[in-house]
Amino acid sequence: MMVHILVADDDDSILKLITVYLEKEGYKVIPAHNGNEAIKLLETEKVDLAVVDVMMPEKDGYEVCEEIRNFYDIPTLMLTAKGEKKDKLKGFESGTDDYVVKPFEPMEVVMRVKALLRRYQIQSSSRIQIGQIDLSFQQKEVTVNKQPIYFPVKEFDVLYLLASYPNQIFTRNQLIDKVWGADFTGDDRTVDVHIKRIREKLKPLQSGVAIKTIRGLGYRLEVTET
């Protein structure tokens, strides 16, 4: 399935340059020339990742990143001429996942994009059926024996990741890195709390799966019935 990347920059030369390099890698580029156009495209187009310039007319990159953080679950790479620590902090607070300072080598953008897509690799498959559970990534929906069960986004992401690799052990640090990202500043107890809540939701249901604690290592999802 082709990856669709939104590239938003009011500088046509930079927009074309990034487009050429991303298309060489086999990605489909959706161009936007300002923040408003970027937000409208997010509403109408399939977008897997966004590359967003900070200084744009109508809506700046910070506002676009906040929109993505609030309404879309996709990674964001911010482009900016600003290299000050406070500007980077504002970018991360707005919801960006990574940050490239202009001037940059186009291949640096390509490599950052690839790294973000790897980090979000749990999105590569849109639907999983395991035991009596059906998970839809795009809708963030879980059904057990065709009964819908509500999971908050992070609980869903943990379950989806474990279900993507049944019987594979994930350490707490691996789960944090893949679900919360490398910049997560909390502790590994966050994982334990989410696992506990997932188990509480699944326990009264005949889900056909169980999340096992592997002492000293981490967690894995096992199929208990077929």
N, C-alpha and C. Protein backbone atom coordinates (compact mmCIF):
# COMPACT_ATOMS: atom_id res chain seq x y z
N MET A 1 0.85 -1.20 0.00
CA MET A 1 0.00 0.00 0.00
C MET A 1 0.89 1.24 0.00
N MET A 2 0.64 2.17 -0.94
CA MET A 2 1.49 3.36 -1.04
C MET A 2 1.27 4.30 0.14
N VAL A 3 2.37 4.82 0.67
CA VAL A 3 2.32 5.77 1.77
C VAL A 3 2.07 7.17 1.21
N HIS A 4 1.10 7.88 1.78
CA HIS A 4 0.74 9.23 1.35
C HIS A 4 1.30 10.24 2.36
N ILE A 5 2.09 11.20 1.84
CA ILE A 5 2.75 12.18 2.70
C ILE A 5 2.29 13.59 2.32
N LEU A 6 1.74 14.29 3.28
CA LEU A 6 1.38 15.70 3.08
C LEU A 6 2.63 16.55 3.32
N VAL A 7 2.98 17.39 2.34
CA VAL A 7 4.10 18.32 2.49
C VAL A 7 3.56 19.73 2.39
N ALA A 8 3.67 20.49 3.46
CA ALA A 8 3.12 21.85 3.50
C ALA A 8 4.25 22.86 3.66
N ASP A 9 4.45 23.69 2.63
CA ASP A 9 5.50 24.73 2.66
C ASP A 9 5.12 25.79 1.65
N ASP A 10 5.20 27.06 2.05
CA ASP A 10 4.84 28.14 1.13
C ASP A 10 5.97 28.50 0.18
N ASP A 11 7.15 27.88 0.35
CA ASP A 11 8.27 28.08 -0.56
C ASP A 11 8.21 27.00 -1.64
N ASP A 12 7.85 27.41 -2.87
CA ASP A 12 7.65 26.45 -3.95
C ASP A 12 8.90 25.63 -4.24
N SER A 13 10.08 26.25 -4.15
CA SER A 13 11.32 25.54 -4.47
C SER A 13 11.58 24.42 -3.47
N ILE A 14 11.32 24.69 -2.19
CA ILE A 14 11.51 23.66 -1.16
C ILE A 14 10.45 22.58 -1.31
N LEU A 15 9.22 23.00 -1.58
CA LEU A 15 8.12 22.04 -1.75
C LEU A 15 8.43 21.08 -2.91
N LYS A 16 8.90 21.62 -4.03
CA LYS A 16 9.23 20.78 -5.19
C LYS A 16 10.41 19.88 -4.90
N LEU A 17 11.41 20.41 -4.20
CA LEU A 17 12.61 19.62 -3.89
C LEU A 17 12.27 18.42 -3.02
N ILE A 18 11.51 18.65 -1.95
CA ILE A 18 11.11 17.55 -1.07
C ILE A 18 10.25 16.55 -1.82
N THR A 19 9.35 17.07 -2.67
CA THR A 19 8.47 16.19 -3.44
C THR A 19 9.27 15.25 -4.33
N VAL A 20 10.27 15.78 -5.02
CA VAL A 20 11.10 14.97 -5.92
C VAL A 20 11.78 13.84 -5.16
N TYR A 21 12.36 14.17 -4.02
CA TYR A 21 13.11 13.17 -3.26
C TYR A 21 12.19 12.12 -2.63
N LEU A 22 11.02 12.55 -2.15
CA LEU A 22 10.09 11.59 -1.56
C LEU A 22 9.48 10.67 -2.63
N GLU A 23 9.18 11.25 -3.78
CA GLU A 23 8.60 10.43 -4.85
C GLU A 23 9.61 9.41 -5.39
N LYS A 24 10.90 9.75 -5.35
CA LYS A 24 11.94 8.80 -5.74
C LYS A 24 11.94 7.57 -4.84
N GLU A 25 11.50 7.77 -3.59
CA GLU A 25 11.45 6.67 -2.62
C GLU A 25 10.14 5.89 -2.71
N GLY A 26 9.27 6.31 -3.64
CA GLY A 26 8.03 5.57 -3.84
C GLY A 26 6.84 6.09 -3.04
N TYR A 27 6.98 7.27 -2.42
CA TYR A 27 5.87 7.84 -1.65
C TYR A 27 4.99 8.71 -2.54
N LYS A 28 3.72 8.79 -2.20
CA LYS A 28 2.78 9.69 -2.87
C LYS A 28 2.75 11.00 -2.09
N VAL A 29 3.10 12.11 -2.75
CA VAL A 29 3.16 13.41 -2.08
C VAL A 29 1.90 14.21 -2.35
N ILE A 30 1.33 14.77 -1.28
CA ILE A 30 0.18 15.65 -1.37
C ILE A 30 0.67 17.05 -0.98
N PRO A 31 0.82 17.98 -1.93
CA PRO A 31 1.39 19.29 -1.63
C PRO A 31 0.37 20.29 -1.09
N ALA A 32 0.84 21.15 -0.19
CA ALA A 32 0.01 22.25 0.33
C ALA A 32 0.89 23.49 0.42
N HIS A 33 0.32 24.65 0.08
CA HIS A 33 1.11 25.88 0.02
C HIS A 33 0.89 26.79 1.22
N ASN A 34 0.00 26.43 2.10
CA ASN A 34 -0.21 27.20 3.33
C ASN A 34 -0.92 26.32 4.36
N GLY A 35 -1.05 26.83 5.56
CA GLY A 35 -1.62 26.04 6.64
C GLY A 35 -3.08 25.68 6.44
N ASN A 36 -3.86 26.63 5.93
CA ASN A 36 -5.29 26.34 5.69
C ASN A 36 -5.47 25.24 4.66
N GLU A 37 -4.67 25.31 3.60
CA GLU A 37 -4.75 24.28 2.56
C GLU A 37 -4.37 22.91 3.14
N ALA A 38 -3.36 22.90 4.00
CA ALA A 38 -2.92 21.65 4.62
C ALA A 38 -4.04 21.03 5.44
N ILE A 39 -4.73 21.84 6.22
CA ILE A 39 -5.80 21.32 7.07
C ILE A 39 -6.97 20.81 6.23
N LYS A 40 -7.29 21.53 5.15
CA LYS A 40 -8.38 21.07 4.27
C LYS A 40 -8.03 19.73 3.61
N LEU A 41 -6.76 19.57 3.22
CA LEU A 41 -6.33 18.30 2.60
C LEU A 41 -6.38 17.16 3.60
N LEU A 42 -6.07 17.44 4.86
CA LEU A 42 -6.16 16.41 5.89
C LEU A 42 -7.58 15.89 6.03
N GLU A 43 -8.55 16.78 5.79
CA GLU A 43 -9.95 16.41 5.92
C GLU A 43 -10.45 15.57 4.75
N THR A 44 -9.77 15.70 3.60
CA THR A 44 -10.31 15.07 2.39
C THR A 44 -9.41 13.97 1.81
N GLU A 45 -8.14 13.94 2.19
CA GLU A 45 -7.19 13.00 1.61
C GLU A 45 -6.70 12.00 2.66
N LYS A 46 -6.31 10.82 2.19
CA LYS A 46 -5.65 9.85 3.05
C LYS A 46 -4.21 10.33 3.26
N VAL A 47 -3.84 10.60 4.50
CA VAL A 47 -2.49 11.08 4.82
C VAL A 47 -1.90 10.17 5.89
N ASP A 48 -0.69 9.65 5.63
CA ASP A 48 -0.02 8.77 6.58
C ASP A 48 1.02 9.50 7.41
N LEU A 49 1.54 10.63 6.88
CA LEU A 49 2.57 11.41 7.58
C LEU A 49 2.53 12.82 7.02
N ALA A 50 2.85 13.81 7.87
CA ALA A 50 2.85 15.20 7.42
C ALA A 50 4.22 15.83 7.64
N VAL A 51 4.71 16.52 6.61
CA VAL A 51 5.92 17.34 6.70
C VAL A 51 5.45 18.79 6.65
N VAL A 52 5.70 19.56 7.71
CA VAL A 52 5.06 20.87 7.87
C VAL A 52 6.11 21.95 8.15
N ASP A 53 6.10 23.00 7.33
CA ASP A 53 6.97 24.15 7.58
C ASP A 53 6.36 25.02 8.66
N VAL A 54 7.20 25.62 9.49
CA VAL A 54 6.68 26.45 10.59
C VAL A 54 6.10 27.76 10.05
N MET A 55 6.89 28.49 9.25
CA MET A 55 6.48 29.83 8.83
C MET A 55 5.67 29.76 7.55
N MET A 56 4.33 29.69 7.71
CA MET A 56 3.42 29.66 6.56
C MET A 56 2.33 30.70 6.76
N PRO A 57 1.79 31.22 5.66
CA PRO A 57 0.68 32.18 5.79
C PRO A 57 -0.61 31.49 6.21
N GLU A 58 -1.53 32.30 6.71
CA GLU A 58 -2.89 31.89 7.11
C GLU A 58 -2.87 31.08 8.40
N LYS A 59 -2.27 29.90 8.40
CA LYS A 59 -2.03 29.15 9.63
C LYS A 59 -0.58 28.69 9.62
N ASP A 60 0.13 28.91 10.74
CA ASP A 60 1.53 28.49 10.74
C ASP A 60 1.65 27.01 11.09
N GLY A 61 2.89 26.52 11.04
CA GLY A 61 3.13 25.10 11.27
C GLY A 61 2.74 24.63 12.65
N TYR A 62 2.89 25.50 13.65
CA TYR A 62 2.50 25.12 15.01
C TYR A 62 1.00 24.82 15.07
N GLU A 63 0.21 25.68 14.42
CA GLU A 63 -1.25 25.48 14.42
C GLU A 63 -1.63 24.21 13.67
N VAL A 64 -0.94 23.93 12.56
CA VAL A 64 -1.22 22.71 11.81
C VAL A 64 -0.87 21.48 12.65
N CYS A 65 0.27 21.54 13.34
CA CYS A 65 0.67 20.41 14.19
C CYS A 65 -0.34 20.18 15.31
N GLU A 66 -0.85 21.26 15.89
CA GLU A 66 -1.87 21.12 16.94
C GLU A 66 -3.13 20.48 16.39
N GLU A 67 -3.52 20.86 15.17
CA GLU A 67 -4.69 20.27 14.51
C GLU A 67 -4.49 18.76 14.32
N ILE A 68 -3.30 18.41 13.86
CA ILE A 68 -3.00 16.98 13.64
C ILE A 68 -3.02 16.23 14.96
N ARG A 69 -2.40 16.82 15.98
CA ARG A 69 -2.36 16.15 17.29
C ARG A 69 -3.77 15.94 17.84
N ASN A 70 -4.66 16.89 17.63
CA ASN A 70 -6.00 16.81 18.20
C ASN A 70 -6.95 15.91 17.43
N PHE A 71 -6.75 15.79 16.11
CA PHE A 71 -7.76 15.10 15.30
C PHE A 71 -7.24 13.93 14.45
N TYR A 72 -5.93 13.80 14.34
CA TYR A 72 -5.38 12.74 13.49
C TYR A 72 -4.26 12.01 14.23
N ASP A 73 -4.14 10.73 13.96
CA ASP A 73 -3.10 9.94 14.61
C ASP A 73 -2.02 9.60 13.58
N ILE A 74 -1.30 10.65 13.14
CA ILE A 74 -0.23 10.45 12.16
C ILE A 74 1.02 11.18 12.66
N PRO A 75 2.20 10.71 12.27
CA PRO A 75 3.43 11.41 12.67
C PRO A 75 3.62 12.70 11.90
N THR A 76 4.35 13.64 12.51
CA THR A 76 4.59 14.94 11.89
C THR A 76 6.07 15.30 11.98
N LEU A 77 6.61 15.77 10.87
CA LEU A 77 7.99 16.27 10.81
C LEU A 77 7.92 17.77 10.54
N MET A 78 8.53 18.57 11.41
CA MET A 78 8.47 20.02 11.27
C MET A 78 9.74 20.55 10.60
N LEU A 79 9.55 21.47 9.65
CA LEU A 79 10.65 22.15 8.97
C LEU A 79 10.67 23.60 9.41
N THR A 80 11.86 24.12 9.75
CA THR A 80 11.91 25.51 10.17
C THR A 80 13.32 26.06 10.04
N ALA A 81 13.38 27.39 9.88
CA ALA A 81 14.68 28.07 9.86
C ALA A 81 15.14 28.40 11.27
N LYS A 82 14.27 28.14 12.23
CA LYS A 82 14.59 28.47 13.62
C LYS A 82 15.29 27.30 14.30
N GLY A 83 16.44 27.58 14.91
CA GLY A 83 17.18 26.52 15.58
C GLY A 83 17.27 26.70 17.08
N GLU A 84 16.62 27.72 17.61
CA GLU A 84 16.69 27.96 19.05
C GLU A 84 15.97 26.87 19.83
N LYS A 85 16.49 26.59 21.03
CA LYS A 85 15.91 25.54 21.86
C LYS A 85 14.45 25.83 22.17
N LYS A 86 14.10 27.11 22.41
CA LYS A 86 12.72 27.44 22.76
C LYS A 86 11.77 27.17 21.59
N ASP A 87 12.27 27.36 20.35
CA ASP A 87 11.43 27.10 19.18
C ASP A 87 11.22 25.60 18.99
N LYS A 88 12.28 24.81 19.26
CA LYS A 88 12.13 23.36 19.18
C LYS A 88 11.12 22.89 20.22
N LEU A 89 11.24 23.44 21.43
CA LEU A 89 10.31 23.06 22.50
C LEU A 89 8.88 23.38 22.10
N LYS A 90 8.66 24.57 21.51
CA LYS A 90 7.31 24.94 21.08
C LYS A 90 6.80 23.97 20.02
N GLY A 91 7.70 23.53 19.14
CA GLY A 91 7.31 22.56 18.12
C GLY A 91 6.85 21.25 18.73
N PHE A 92 7.62 20.72 19.69
CA PHE A 92 7.24 19.46 20.32
C PHE A 92 5.97 19.62 21.15
N GLU A 93 5.81 20.78 21.78
CA GLU A 93 4.58 21.02 22.54
C GLU A 93 3.37 21.08 21.61
N SER A 94 3.58 21.51 20.37
CA SER A 94 2.49 21.58 19.40
C SER A 94 2.11 20.21 18.86
N GLY A 95 3.01 19.23 19.06
CA GLY A 95 2.68 17.87 18.66
C GLY A 95 3.56 17.26 17.60
N THR A 96 4.62 17.98 17.18
CA THR A 96 5.49 17.39 16.16
C THR A 96 6.28 16.22 16.75
N ASP A 97 6.61 15.25 15.90
CA ASP A 97 7.39 14.09 16.33
C ASP A 97 8.88 14.29 16.10
N ASP A 98 9.23 15.12 15.11
CA ASP A 98 10.63 15.35 14.80
C ASP A 98 10.77 16.74 14.19
N TYR A 99 12.01 17.18 13.99
CA TYR A 99 12.31 18.58 13.75
C TYR A 99 13.54 18.67 12.86
N VAL A 100 13.46 19.35 11.72
CA VAL A 100 14.61 19.56 10.85
C VAL A 100 14.79 21.06 10.63
N VAL A 101 16.02 21.55 10.83
CA VAL A 101 16.30 22.98 10.71
C VAL A 101 16.84 23.28 9.31
N LYS A 102 16.28 24.30 8.68
CA LYS A 102 16.77 24.76 7.38
C LYS A 102 18.08 25.54 7.59
N PRO A 103 19.00 25.49 6.61
CA PRO A 103 18.97 24.67 5.39
C PRO A 103 19.27 23.21 5.72
N PHE A 104 18.70 22.30 4.94
CA PHE A 104 18.90 20.89 5.20
C PHE A 104 19.18 20.16 3.89
N GLU A 105 19.80 19.00 4.00
CA GLU A 105 19.98 18.13 2.84
C GLU A 105 18.67 17.38 2.60
N PRO A 106 18.18 17.32 1.38
CA PRO A 106 16.91 16.63 1.13
C PRO A 106 16.88 15.20 1.64
N MET A 107 18.03 14.50 1.54
CA MET A 107 18.06 13.12 2.02
C MET A 107 17.89 13.03 3.53
N GLU A 108 18.22 14.12 4.24
CA GLU A 108 17.98 14.12 5.69
C GLU A 108 16.48 14.05 5.97
N VAL A 109 15.72 14.80 5.19
CA VAL A 109 14.26 14.76 5.34
C VAL A 109 13.74 13.35 5.02
N VAL A 110 14.26 12.76 3.95
CA VAL A 110 13.85 11.40 3.57
C VAL A 110 14.13 10.42 4.70
N MET A 111 15.32 10.50 5.28
CA MET A 111 15.70 9.57 6.35
C MET A 111 14.85 9.79 7.60
N ARG A 112 14.55 11.06 7.91
CA ARG A 112 13.67 11.34 9.07
C ARG A 112 12.27 10.79 8.83
N VAL A 113 11.78 10.94 7.59
CA VAL A 113 10.46 10.40 7.24
C VAL A 113 10.45 8.89 7.41
N LYS A 114 11.48 8.23 6.91
CA LYS A 114 11.56 6.77 7.04
C LYS A 114 11.61 6.34 8.50
N ALA A 115 12.35 7.09 9.31
CA ALA A 115 12.45 6.75 10.73
C ALA A 115 11.10 6.89 11.43
N LEU A 116 10.35 7.94 11.08
CA LEU A 116 9.03 8.13 11.68
C LEU A 116 8.06 7.05 11.24
N LEU A 117 8.14 6.66 9.98
CA LEU A 117 7.26 5.59 9.49
C LEU A 117 7.59 4.27 10.18
N ARG A 118 8.89 4.04 10.46
CA ARG A 118 9.25 2.82 11.21
C ARG A 118 8.70 2.88 12.61
N ARG A 119 8.79 4.05 13.23
CA ARG A 119 8.28 4.19 14.59
C ARG A 119 6.78 3.92 14.64
N TYR A 120 6.09 4.31 13.58
CA TYR A 120 4.64 4.12 13.51
C TYR A 120 4.28 2.87 12.71
N GLN A 121 5.18 1.90 12.69
CA GLN A 121 4.96 0.72 11.84
C GLN A 121 3.72 -0.07 12.24
N ILE A 122 3.21 0.13 13.45
CA ILE A 122 1.99 -0.57 13.84
C ILE A 122 0.81 -0.16 12.97
N GLN A 123 0.99 0.92 12.19
CA GLN A 123 -0.09 1.35 11.31
C GLN A 123 -0.05 0.68 9.93
N SER A 124 1.00 -0.12 9.68
CA SER A 124 1.17 -0.67 8.34
C SER A 124 0.06 -1.66 7.96
N SER A 125 -0.52 -2.31 8.94
CA SER A 125 -1.64 -3.21 8.67
C SER A 125 -2.87 -2.62 9.31
N SER A 126 -3.96 -2.50 8.56
CA SER A 126 -5.10 -1.74 9.05
C SER A 126 -6.09 -2.56 9.87
N ARG A 127 -6.05 -3.90 9.74
CA ARG A 127 -7.03 -4.72 10.46
C ARG A 127 -6.39 -6.03 10.91
N ILE A 128 -6.69 -6.43 12.14
CA ILE A 128 -6.16 -7.68 12.69
C ILE A 128 -7.31 -8.45 13.31
N GLN A 129 -7.33 -9.75 13.05
CA GLN A 129 -8.29 -10.63 13.70
C GLN A 129 -7.49 -11.71 14.43
N ILE A 130 -7.69 -11.81 15.74
CA ILE A 130 -6.97 -12.79 16.53
C ILE A 130 -7.88 -13.28 17.66
N GLY A 131 -7.92 -14.59 17.86
CA GLY A 131 -8.89 -15.12 18.81
C GLY A 131 -10.29 -14.70 18.39
N GLN A 132 -11.03 -14.12 19.32
CA GLN A 132 -12.37 -13.59 19.01
C GLN A 132 -12.37 -12.07 18.92
N ILE A 133 -11.15 -11.50 18.78
CA ILE A 133 -11.01 -10.05 18.73
C ILE A 133 -10.76 -9.59 17.30
N ASP A 134 -11.42 -8.50 16.92
CA ASP A 134 -11.19 -7.85 15.63
C ASP A 134 -10.80 -6.41 15.91
N LEU A 135 -9.63 -6.00 15.37
CA LEU A 135 -9.13 -4.64 15.60
C LEU A 135 -9.00 -3.91 14.28
N SER A 136 -9.59 -2.72 14.21
CA SER A 136 -9.47 -1.88 13.04
C SER A 136 -8.61 -0.68 13.39
N PHE A 137 -7.43 -0.58 12.76
CA PHE A 137 -6.54 0.52 13.13
C PHE A 137 -7.10 1.88 12.71
N GLN A 138 -7.61 1.95 11.49
CA GLN A 138 -8.07 3.25 10.99
C GLN A 138 -9.21 3.82 11.84
N GLN A 139 -10.13 2.96 12.28
CA GLN A 139 -11.25 3.43 13.09
C GLN A 139 -10.96 3.38 14.59
N LYS A 140 -9.80 2.78 14.96
CA LYS A 140 -9.47 2.60 16.38
C LYS A 140 -10.60 1.87 17.09
N GLU A 141 -11.11 0.83 16.44
CA GLU A 141 -12.26 0.09 16.98
C GLU A 141 -11.85 -1.33 17.35
N VAL A 142 -12.42 -1.80 18.46
CA VAL A 142 -12.20 -3.17 18.91
C VAL A 142 -13.57 -3.83 19.05
N THR A 143 -13.71 -5.01 18.46
CA THR A 143 -14.92 -5.79 18.70
C THR A 143 -14.50 -7.17 19.21
N VAL A 144 -15.23 -7.66 20.19
CA VAL A 144 -15.00 -9.00 20.74
C VAL A 144 -16.29 -9.79 20.54
N ASN A 145 -16.21 -10.90 19.79
CA ASN A 145 -17.40 -11.64 19.42
C ASN A 145 -18.45 -10.72 18.80
N LYS A 146 -17.96 -9.79 17.96
CA LYS A 146 -18.78 -8.82 17.22
C LYS A 146 -19.45 -7.77 18.11
N GLN A 147 -19.04 -7.74 19.39
CA GLN A 147 -19.55 -6.71 20.30
C GLN A 147 -18.50 -5.60 20.42
N PRO A 148 -18.85 -4.34 20.09
CA PRO A 148 -17.86 -3.26 20.17
C PRO A 148 -17.48 -2.94 21.62
N ILE A 149 -16.19 -2.78 21.84
CA ILE A 149 -15.66 -2.44 23.16
C ILE A 149 -14.80 -1.18 23.02
N TYR A 150 -15.06 -0.19 23.86
CA TYR A 150 -14.33 1.07 23.76
C TYR A 150 -12.95 0.97 24.41
N PHE A 151 -11.92 1.39 23.67
CA PHE A 151 -10.56 1.49 24.18
C PHE A 151 -10.04 2.90 23.89
N PRO A 152 -9.52 3.62 24.89
CA PRO A 152 -8.83 4.88 24.59
C PRO A 152 -7.66 4.61 23.64
N VAL A 153 -7.18 5.65 22.96
CA VAL A 153 -6.21 5.48 21.88
C VAL A 153 -4.96 4.71 22.32
N LYS A 154 -4.34 5.08 23.43
CA LYS A 154 -3.10 4.43 23.82
C LYS A 154 -3.33 2.98 24.23
N GLU A 155 -4.44 2.69 24.87
CA GLU A 155 -4.75 1.30 25.20
C GLU A 155 -4.94 0.50 23.92
N PHE A 156 -5.62 1.11 22.95
CA PHE A 156 -5.80 0.45 21.66
C PHE A 156 -4.45 0.16 21.01
N ASP A 157 -3.57 1.17 21.02
CA ASP A 157 -2.27 1.01 20.36
C ASP A 157 -1.44 -0.09 21.00
N VAL A 158 -1.49 -0.20 22.33
CA VAL A 158 -0.76 -1.26 23.02
C VAL A 158 -1.32 -2.62 22.60
N LEU A 159 -2.65 -2.76 22.64
CA LEU A 159 -3.27 -4.02 22.27
C LEU A 159 -2.99 -4.36 20.81
N TYR A 160 -3.07 -3.36 19.94
CA TYR A 160 -2.86 -3.57 18.51
C TYR A 160 -1.43 -4.05 18.25
N LEU A 161 -0.47 -3.44 18.93
CA LEU A 161 0.93 -3.84 18.75
C LEU A 161 1.15 -5.27 19.22
N LEU A 162 0.65 -5.61 20.41
CA LEU A 162 0.80 -6.97 20.92
C LEU A 162 0.12 -7.99 20.00
N ALA A 163 -1.07 -7.63 19.50
CA ALA A 163 -1.82 -8.53 18.62
C ALA A 163 -1.15 -8.67 17.26
N SER A 164 -0.35 -7.67 16.86
CA SER A 164 0.35 -7.74 15.58
C SER A 164 1.46 -8.78 15.61
N TYR A 165 1.95 -9.07 16.81
CA TYR A 165 3.05 -10.02 16.96
C TYR A 165 2.73 -11.00 18.09
N PRO A 166 1.74 -11.88 17.89
CA PRO A 166 1.37 -12.82 18.95
C PRO A 166 2.55 -13.69 19.35
N ASN A 167 2.64 -13.94 20.67
CA ASN A 167 3.70 -14.76 21.27
C ASN A 167 5.07 -14.09 21.29
N GLN A 168 5.16 -12.87 20.77
CA GLN A 168 6.44 -12.15 20.86
C GLN A 168 6.46 -11.32 22.14
N ILE A 169 7.57 -11.42 22.86
CA ILE A 169 7.72 -10.66 24.11
C ILE A 169 8.16 -9.23 23.79
N PHE A 170 7.45 -8.27 24.38
CA PHE A 170 7.84 -6.87 24.29
C PHE A 170 8.23 -6.38 25.69
N THR A 171 9.40 -5.79 25.80
CA THR A 171 9.78 -5.17 27.06
C THR A 171 8.98 -3.89 27.25
N ARG A 172 8.97 -3.39 28.46
CA ARG A 172 8.27 -2.12 28.71
C ARG A 172 8.87 -1.00 27.87
N ASN A 173 10.20 -0.98 27.78
CA ASN A 173 10.85 0.07 27.00
C ASN A 173 10.49 -0.01 25.52
N GLN A 174 10.37 -1.22 24.99
CA GLN A 174 9.96 -1.37 23.59
C GLN A 174 8.54 -0.87 23.37
N LEU A 175 7.65 -1.17 24.30
CA LEU A 175 6.27 -0.70 24.18
C LEU A 175 6.21 0.82 24.26
N ILE A 176 6.98 1.40 25.17
CA ILE A 176 7.01 2.86 25.29
C ILE A 176 7.51 3.48 24.00
N ASP A 177 8.59 2.93 23.44
CA ASP A 177 9.18 3.50 22.24
C ASP A 177 8.23 3.42 21.05
N LYS A 178 7.52 2.29 20.90
CA LYS A 178 6.66 2.11 19.74
C LYS A 178 5.30 2.78 19.88
N VAL A 179 4.80 2.90 21.12
CA VAL A 179 3.46 3.47 21.32
C VAL A 179 3.52 4.95 21.70
N TRP A 180 4.41 5.30 22.63
CA TRP A 180 4.48 6.68 23.10
C TRP A 180 5.57 7.48 22.40
N GLY A 181 6.56 6.78 21.85
CA GLY A 181 7.65 7.45 21.15
C GLY A 181 8.87 7.64 22.02
N ALA A 182 10.01 7.85 21.36
CA ALA A 182 11.29 7.93 22.06
C ALA A 182 11.39 9.16 22.97
N ASP A 183 10.54 10.16 22.73
CA ASP A 183 10.61 11.39 23.53
C ASP A 183 9.74 11.33 24.79
N PHE A 184 9.11 10.19 25.03
CA PHE A 184 8.25 10.03 26.21
C PHE A 184 9.06 10.24 27.48
N THR A 185 8.55 11.06 28.40
CA THR A 185 9.31 11.41 29.61
C THR A 185 8.76 10.74 30.87
N GLY A 186 7.70 9.92 30.74
CA GLY A 186 7.16 9.24 31.91
C GLY A 186 7.99 8.01 32.27
N ASP A 187 7.46 7.17 33.16
CA ASP A 187 8.19 5.96 33.54
C ASP A 187 7.46 4.73 33.02
N ASP A 188 8.12 3.57 33.19
CA ASP A 188 7.56 2.35 32.60
C ASP A 188 6.31 1.84 33.32
N ARG A 189 5.98 2.44 34.45
CA ARG A 189 4.73 2.06 35.13
C ARG A 189 3.52 2.40 34.27
N THR A 190 3.68 3.38 33.40
CA THR A 190 2.60 3.73 32.46
C THR A 190 2.17 2.50 31.67
N VAL A 191 3.13 1.69 31.23
CA VAL A 191 2.81 0.48 30.48
C VAL A 191 1.99 -0.47 31.34
N ASP A 192 2.43 -0.68 32.59
CA ASP A 192 1.73 -1.60 33.49
C ASP A 192 0.28 -1.18 33.69
N VAL A 193 0.06 0.12 33.84
CA VAL A 193 -1.30 0.63 34.04
C VAL A 193 -2.17 0.35 32.82
N HIS A 194 -1.62 0.58 31.63
CA HIS A 194 -2.39 0.33 30.41
C HIS A 194 -2.67 -1.16 30.22
N ILE A 195 -1.69 -2.00 30.51
CA ILE A 195 -1.91 -3.45 30.41
C ILE A 195 -3.01 -3.89 31.37
N LYS A 196 -2.98 -3.35 32.58
CA LYS A 196 -3.99 -3.69 33.59
C LYS A 196 -5.39 -3.32 33.10
N ARG A 197 -5.53 -2.15 32.51
CA ARG A 197 -6.83 -1.69 32.02
C ARG A 197 -7.31 -2.54 30.84
N ILE A 198 -6.39 -2.91 29.97
CA ILE A 198 -6.76 -3.78 28.84
C ILE A 198 -7.26 -5.12 29.35
N ARG A 199 -6.54 -5.69 30.31
CA ARG A 199 -6.94 -6.98 30.87
C ARG A 199 -8.32 -6.89 31.52
N GLU A 200 -8.56 -5.79 32.22
CA GLU A 200 -9.86 -5.63 32.90
C GLU A 200 -11.00 -5.58 31.89
N LYS A 201 -10.75 -4.99 30.73
CA LYS A 201 -11.80 -4.93 29.69
C LYS A 201 -12.03 -6.30 29.06
N LEU A 202 -10.93 -7.05 28.84
CA LEU A 202 -11.05 -8.34 28.15
C LEU A 202 -11.48 -9.47 29.07
N LYS A 203 -11.21 -9.35 30.37
CA LYS A 203 -11.43 -10.47 31.31
C LYS A 203 -12.86 -11.00 31.29
N PRO A 204 -13.90 -10.14 31.34
CA PRO A 204 -15.27 -10.68 31.38
C PRO A 204 -15.76 -11.19 30.03
N LEU A 205 -14.95 -11.04 28.99
CA LEU A 205 -15.36 -11.43 27.64
C LEU A 205 -14.62 -12.70 27.21
N GLN A 206 -15.23 -13.47 26.37
CA GLN A 206 -14.58 -14.65 25.82
C GLN A 206 -13.79 -14.23 24.58
N SER A 207 -12.65 -13.59 24.83
CA SER A 207 -11.87 -13.00 23.75
C SER A 207 -10.96 -13.99 23.05
N GLY A 208 -10.64 -15.09 23.73
CA GLY A 208 -9.76 -16.08 23.13
C GLY A 208 -8.30 -15.69 23.15
N VAL A 209 -7.96 -14.59 23.84
CA VAL A 209 -6.56 -14.17 23.97
C VAL A 209 -6.29 -13.75 25.41
N ALA A 210 -5.02 -13.72 25.76
CA ALA A 210 -4.62 -13.26 27.08
C ALA A 210 -3.26 -12.58 26.98
N ILE A 211 -3.08 -11.52 27.75
CA ILE A 211 -1.78 -10.85 27.82
C ILE A 211 -1.03 -11.42 29.02
N LYS A 212 0.06 -12.09 28.76
CA LYS A 212 0.84 -12.75 29.79
C LYS A 212 2.00 -11.87 30.24
N THR A 213 2.25 -11.85 31.54
CA THR A 213 3.43 -11.19 32.08
C THR A 213 4.59 -12.18 32.06
N ILE A 214 5.67 -11.83 31.41
CA ILE A 214 6.87 -12.66 31.39
C ILE A 214 7.85 -12.06 32.38
N ARG A 215 7.93 -12.68 33.53
CA ARG A 215 8.68 -12.10 34.65
C ARG A 215 10.10 -11.71 34.25
N GLY A 216 10.43 -10.47 34.57
CA GLY A 216 11.77 -9.97 34.29
C GLY A 216 12.00 -9.52 32.86
N LEU A 217 10.99 -9.72 32.01
CA LEU A 217 11.15 -9.36 30.60
C LEU A 217 10.11 -8.35 30.15
N GLY A 218 8.83 -8.75 30.19
CA GLY A 218 7.80 -7.83 29.71
C GLY A 218 6.48 -8.54 29.51
N TYR A 219 5.85 -8.31 28.35
CA TYR A 219 4.52 -8.85 28.09
C TYR A 219 4.45 -9.48 26.71
N ARG A 220 3.54 -10.45 26.56
CA ARG A 220 3.23 -10.99 25.25
C ARG A 220 1.76 -11.37 25.21
N LEU A 221 1.20 -11.36 24.02
CA LEU A 221 -0.19 -11.75 23.82
C LEU A 221 -0.23 -13.17 23.29
N GLU A 222 -1.06 -14.01 23.93
CA GLU A 222 -1.19 -15.41 23.53
C GLU A 222 -2.64 -15.71 23.17
N VAL A 223 -2.81 -16.57 22.19
CA VAL A 223 -4.13 -17.06 21.84
C VAL A 223 -4.44 -18.23 22.77
N THR A 224 -5.55 -18.15 23.48
CA THR A 224 -5.91 -19.19 24.46
C THR A 224 -6.91 -20.17 23.92
N GLU A 225 -7.59 -19.80 22.84
CA GLU A 225 -8.55 -20.72 22.20
C GLU A 225 -8.68 -20.35 20.75
N THR A 226 -9.03 -21.28 19.91
CA THR A 226 -9.17 -21.02 18.48
C THR A 226 -10.60 -21.27 18.06
